[in-house]
Amino acid sequence: MAFYVYILQCIDGTFYTGYTKNIEERIKQHQNGNGARYTKAHKPQKIAYVELHESRSKAMKREREIKKFTRQQKIDLINTQNSSHSEL
């Protein structure tokens, strides 16, 4: 089963990192204020980054890694993914 690690950019410019097995449903939950306490106070603006993992444990491990990143490291990670997509 696939799991996703994602970063949301919130309206105030902050980032929220999470993991899920159903990315579409989880984003809807965040948008409706039912996702996480953080996104209730900091409304999500867009999905900034997504990674796919083959297991829940790998996704959880990666989520913990990303949550420890500095703001600049998260921006660099987001930019790396966005630049690779622009080449397609």
N, C-alpha and C. Protein backbone atom coordinates (compact mmCIF):
# COMPACT_ATOMS: atom_id res chain seq x y z
N MET A 1 0.84 -1.18 0.00
CA MET A 1 0.00 0.00 0.00
C MET A 1 0.88 1.24 0.00
N ALA A 2 0.48 2.23 -0.75
CA ALA A 2 1.24 3.48 -0.86
C ALA A 2 0.85 4.47 0.23
N PHE A 3 1.84 5.19 0.70
CA PHE A 3 1.63 6.29 1.66
C PHE A 3 2.34 7.52 1.12
N TYR A 4 1.78 8.67 1.46
CA TYR A 4 2.31 9.94 0.98
C TYR A 4 2.79 10.78 2.15
N VAL A 5 3.89 11.48 1.94
CA VAL A 5 4.37 12.52 2.84
C VAL A 5 4.15 13.82 2.08
N TYR A 6 3.58 14.81 2.74
CA TYR A 6 3.24 16.04 2.03
C TYR A 6 3.57 17.26 2.88
N ILE A 7 3.77 18.37 2.19
CA ILE A 7 3.95 19.66 2.85
C ILE A 7 2.89 20.59 2.29
N LEU A 8 2.13 21.18 3.20
CA LEU A 8 1.15 22.20 2.83
C LEU A 8 1.75 23.57 3.11
N GLN A 9 1.54 24.49 2.20
CA GLN A 9 1.88 25.88 2.48
C GLN A 9 0.61 26.55 2.95
N CYS A 10 0.68 27.18 4.11
CA CYS A 10 -0.48 27.83 4.70
C CYS A 10 -0.56 29.29 4.25
N ILE A 11 -1.73 29.88 4.42
CA ILE A 11 -1.97 31.25 3.99
C ILE A 11 -0.97 32.22 4.62
N ASP A 12 -0.56 31.95 5.84
CA ASP A 12 0.39 32.85 6.52
C ASP A 12 1.84 32.58 6.15
N GLY A 13 2.08 31.67 5.18
CA GLY A 13 3.43 31.38 4.72
C GLY A 13 4.13 30.26 5.47
N THR A 14 3.52 29.72 6.51
CA THR A 14 4.12 28.62 7.26
C THR A 14 3.87 27.32 6.51
N PHE A 15 4.55 26.25 6.96
CA PHE A 15 4.42 24.95 6.35
C PHE A 15 3.89 23.94 7.37
N TYR A 16 3.08 23.01 6.87
CA TYR A 16 2.61 21.88 7.68
C TYR A 16 3.03 20.61 6.95
N THR A 17 3.64 19.68 7.68
CA THR A 17 4.07 18.41 7.10
C THR A 17 3.27 17.28 7.73
N GLY A 18 2.81 16.35 6.89
CA GLY A 18 2.06 15.21 7.37
C GLY A 18 2.24 14.01 6.46
N TYR A 19 1.59 12.91 6.83
CA TYR A 19 1.59 11.73 5.97
C TYR A 19 0.19 11.15 5.95
N THR A 20 -0.13 10.40 4.89
CA THR A 20 -1.45 9.83 4.73
C THR A 20 -1.41 8.72 3.69
N LYS A 21 -2.43 7.88 3.69
CA LYS A 21 -2.54 6.89 2.62
C LYS A 21 -3.49 7.37 1.53
N ASN A 22 -4.28 8.42 1.80
CA ASN A 22 -5.21 8.96 0.81
C ASN A 22 -5.02 10.48 0.76
N ILE A 23 -4.19 10.93 -0.14
CA ILE A 23 -3.81 12.34 -0.18
C ILE A 23 -5.00 13.25 -0.48
N GLU A 24 -5.87 12.85 -1.40
CA GLU A 24 -7.01 13.70 -1.75
C GLU A 24 -7.94 13.91 -0.56
N GLU A 25 -8.25 12.82 0.13
CA GLU A 25 -9.15 12.90 1.28
C GLU A 25 -8.52 13.71 2.42
N ARG A 26 -7.24 13.52 2.63
CA ARG A 26 -6.56 14.23 3.71
C ARG A 26 -6.54 15.73 3.45
N ILE A 27 -6.30 16.13 2.21
CA ILE A 27 -6.29 17.55 1.87
C ILE A 27 -7.68 18.15 2.09
N LYS A 28 -8.72 17.41 1.72
CA LYS A 28 -10.09 17.87 1.96
C LYS A 28 -10.33 18.08 3.46
N GLN A 29 -9.83 17.17 4.27
CA GLN A 29 -9.98 17.29 5.72
C GLN A 29 -9.30 18.57 6.22
N HIS A 30 -8.10 18.82 5.74
CA HIS A 30 -7.40 20.05 6.14
C HIS A 30 -8.18 21.28 5.73
N GLN A 31 -8.68 21.29 4.51
CA GLN A 31 -9.41 22.45 4.00
C GLN A 31 -10.71 22.69 4.77
N ASN A 32 -11.32 21.62 5.26
CA ASN A 32 -12.57 21.73 6.02
C ASN A 32 -12.35 21.97 7.51
N GLY A 33 -11.10 22.07 7.94
CA GLY A 33 -10.79 22.30 9.34
C GLY A 33 -10.82 21.06 10.20
N ASN A 34 -10.84 19.88 9.58
CA ASN A 34 -10.87 18.61 10.32
C ASN A 34 -9.57 17.83 10.23
N GLY A 35 -8.52 18.43 9.66
CA GLY A 35 -7.28 17.70 9.42
C GLY A 35 -6.38 17.62 10.63
N ALA A 36 -5.91 18.75 11.08
CA ALA A 36 -4.97 18.80 12.21
C ALA A 36 -5.19 20.11 12.95
N ARG A 37 -4.83 20.13 14.19
CA ARG A 37 -4.99 21.35 14.99
C ARG A 37 -4.25 22.53 14.36
N TYR A 38 -3.05 22.26 13.82
CA TYR A 38 -2.26 23.34 13.22
C TYR A 38 -2.98 23.97 12.03
N THR A 39 -3.55 23.14 11.17
CA THR A 39 -4.19 23.68 9.97
C THR A 39 -5.56 24.29 10.26
N LYS A 40 -6.08 24.10 11.45
CA LYS A 40 -7.29 24.83 11.84
C LYS A 40 -6.95 26.29 12.07
N ALA A 41 -5.80 26.54 12.65
CA ALA A 41 -5.37 27.91 12.96
C ALA A 41 -4.62 28.56 11.80
N HIS A 42 -3.98 27.74 10.98
CA HIS A 42 -3.18 28.22 9.84
C HIS A 42 -3.76 27.58 8.59
N LYS A 43 -4.72 28.22 7.99
CA LYS A 43 -5.45 27.63 6.86
C LYS A 43 -4.51 27.27 5.70
N PRO A 44 -4.64 26.04 5.18
CA PRO A 44 -3.80 25.64 4.06
C PRO A 44 -4.15 26.39 2.78
N GLN A 45 -3.12 26.77 2.05
CA GLN A 45 -3.29 27.50 0.80
C GLN A 45 -3.09 26.57 -0.40
N LYS A 46 -2.02 25.73 -0.33
CA LYS A 46 -1.75 24.83 -1.44
C LYS A 46 -0.87 23.67 -0.98
N ILE A 47 -0.87 22.62 -1.79
CA ILE A 47 0.05 21.51 -1.58
C ILE A 47 1.37 21.93 -2.20
N ALA A 48 2.40 22.00 -1.39
CA ALA A 48 3.70 22.47 -1.87
C ALA A 48 4.61 21.32 -2.29
N TYR A 49 4.40 20.13 -1.70
CA TYR A 49 5.34 19.03 -1.92
C TYR A 49 4.67 17.71 -1.58
N VAL A 50 4.97 16.66 -2.36
CA VAL A 50 4.44 15.32 -2.10
C VAL A 50 5.52 14.29 -2.43
N GLU A 51 5.65 13.30 -1.56
CA GLU A 51 6.52 12.14 -1.80
C GLU A 51 5.68 10.88 -1.63
N LEU A 52 5.99 9.86 -2.39
CA LEU A 52 5.32 8.57 -2.30
C LEU A 52 6.25 7.57 -1.63
N HIS A 53 5.70 6.79 -0.68
CA HIS A 53 6.48 5.77 0.03
C HIS A 53 5.73 4.46 0.01
N GLU A 54 6.47 3.37 0.07
CA GLU A 54 5.87 2.05 -0.06
C GLU A 54 5.27 1.50 1.24
N SER A 55 5.58 2.11 2.36
CA SER A 55 5.04 1.62 3.63
C SER A 55 4.76 2.78 4.58
N ARG A 56 3.89 2.51 5.53
CA ARG A 56 3.55 3.51 6.53
C ARG A 56 4.77 3.89 7.36
N SER A 57 5.56 2.90 7.74
CA SER A 57 6.73 3.18 8.58
C SER A 57 7.74 4.07 7.86
N LYS A 58 7.95 3.86 6.56
CA LYS A 58 8.87 4.71 5.80
C LYS A 58 8.32 6.13 5.67
N ALA A 59 7.02 6.24 5.46
CA ALA A 59 6.41 7.57 5.38
C ALA A 59 6.51 8.30 6.71
N MET A 60 6.26 7.61 7.80
CA MET A 60 6.35 8.23 9.12
C MET A 60 7.77 8.67 9.43
N LYS A 61 8.74 7.85 9.05
CA LYS A 61 10.14 8.20 9.27
C LYS A 61 10.50 9.46 8.48
N ARG A 62 10.09 9.51 7.23
CA ARG A 62 10.39 10.67 6.39
C ARG A 62 9.68 11.92 6.89
N GLU A 63 8.44 11.77 7.36
CA GLU A 63 7.71 12.90 7.93
C GLU A 63 8.50 13.49 9.11
N ARG A 64 8.99 12.64 9.99
CA ARG A 64 9.77 13.11 11.14
C ARG A 64 11.03 13.84 10.69
N GLU A 65 11.68 13.31 9.64
CA GLU A 65 12.88 13.97 9.11
C GLU A 65 12.55 15.37 8.61
N ILE A 66 11.51 15.48 7.80
CA ILE A 66 11.15 16.76 7.22
C ILE A 66 10.72 17.75 8.29
N LYS A 67 10.01 17.30 9.31
CA LYS A 67 9.57 18.19 10.38
C LYS A 67 10.75 18.81 11.13
N LYS A 68 11.91 18.15 11.09
CA LYS A 68 13.11 18.69 11.74
C LYS A 68 13.86 19.67 10.85
N PHE A 69 13.50 19.76 9.58
CA PHE A 69 14.16 20.67 8.64
C PHE A 69 13.93 22.11 9.06
N THR A 70 14.88 22.94 8.73
CA THR A 70 14.68 24.38 8.88
C THR A 70 13.71 24.84 7.79
N ARG A 71 13.21 26.04 7.93
CA ARG A 71 12.32 26.60 6.90
C ARG A 71 13.01 26.60 5.54
N GLN A 72 14.28 27.01 5.52
CA GLN A 72 15.01 27.07 4.25
C GLN A 72 15.19 25.68 3.64
N GLN A 73 15.44 24.68 4.46
CA GLN A 73 15.58 23.32 3.94
C GLN A 73 14.27 22.84 3.32
N LYS A 74 13.14 23.20 3.94
CA LYS A 74 11.83 22.84 3.37
C LYS A 74 11.61 23.55 2.04
N ILE A 75 11.96 24.82 1.97
CA ILE A 75 11.84 25.58 0.72
C ILE A 75 12.71 24.95 -0.37
N ASP A 76 13.93 24.58 -0.02
CA ASP A 76 14.83 23.94 -0.99
C ASP A 76 14.25 22.61 -1.48
N LEU A 77 13.68 21.82 -0.57
CA LEU A 77 13.06 20.56 -0.94
C LEU A 77 11.89 20.79 -1.89
N ILE A 78 11.05 21.74 -1.58
CA ILE A 78 9.90 22.09 -2.43
C ILE A 78 10.38 22.54 -3.80
N ASN A 79 11.39 23.39 -3.83
CA ASN A 79 11.92 23.89 -5.10
C ASN A 79 12.55 22.79 -5.94
N THR A 80 13.17 21.82 -5.29
CA THR A 80 13.77 20.69 -6.01
C THR A 80 12.69 19.91 -6.74
N GLN A 81 11.58 19.64 -6.07
CA GLN A 81 10.49 18.90 -6.71
C GLN A 81 9.83 19.74 -7.81
N ASN A 82 9.61 21.01 -7.55
CA ASN A 82 8.97 21.86 -8.55
C ASN A 82 9.83 22.03 -9.78
N SER A 83 11.14 22.12 -9.63
CA SER A 83 12.01 22.28 -10.79
C SER A 83 12.07 21.00 -11.60
N SER A 84 11.98 19.83 -10.94
CA SER A 84 12.00 18.57 -11.69
C SER A 84 10.71 18.40 -12.48
N HIS A 85 9.58 18.89 -11.97
CA HIS A 85 8.32 18.79 -12.69
C HIS A 85 8.28 19.75 -13.87
N SER A 86 8.92 20.89 -13.75
CA SER A 86 8.88 21.87 -14.84
C SER A 86 9.64 21.38 -16.06
N GLU A 87 10.51 20.39 -15.88
CA GLU A 87 11.28 19.86 -16.99
C GLU A 87 10.50 18.83 -17.79
N LEU A 88 9.41 18.35 -17.28
CA LEU A 88 8.63 17.31 -17.97
C LEU A 88 7.88 17.84 -19.16
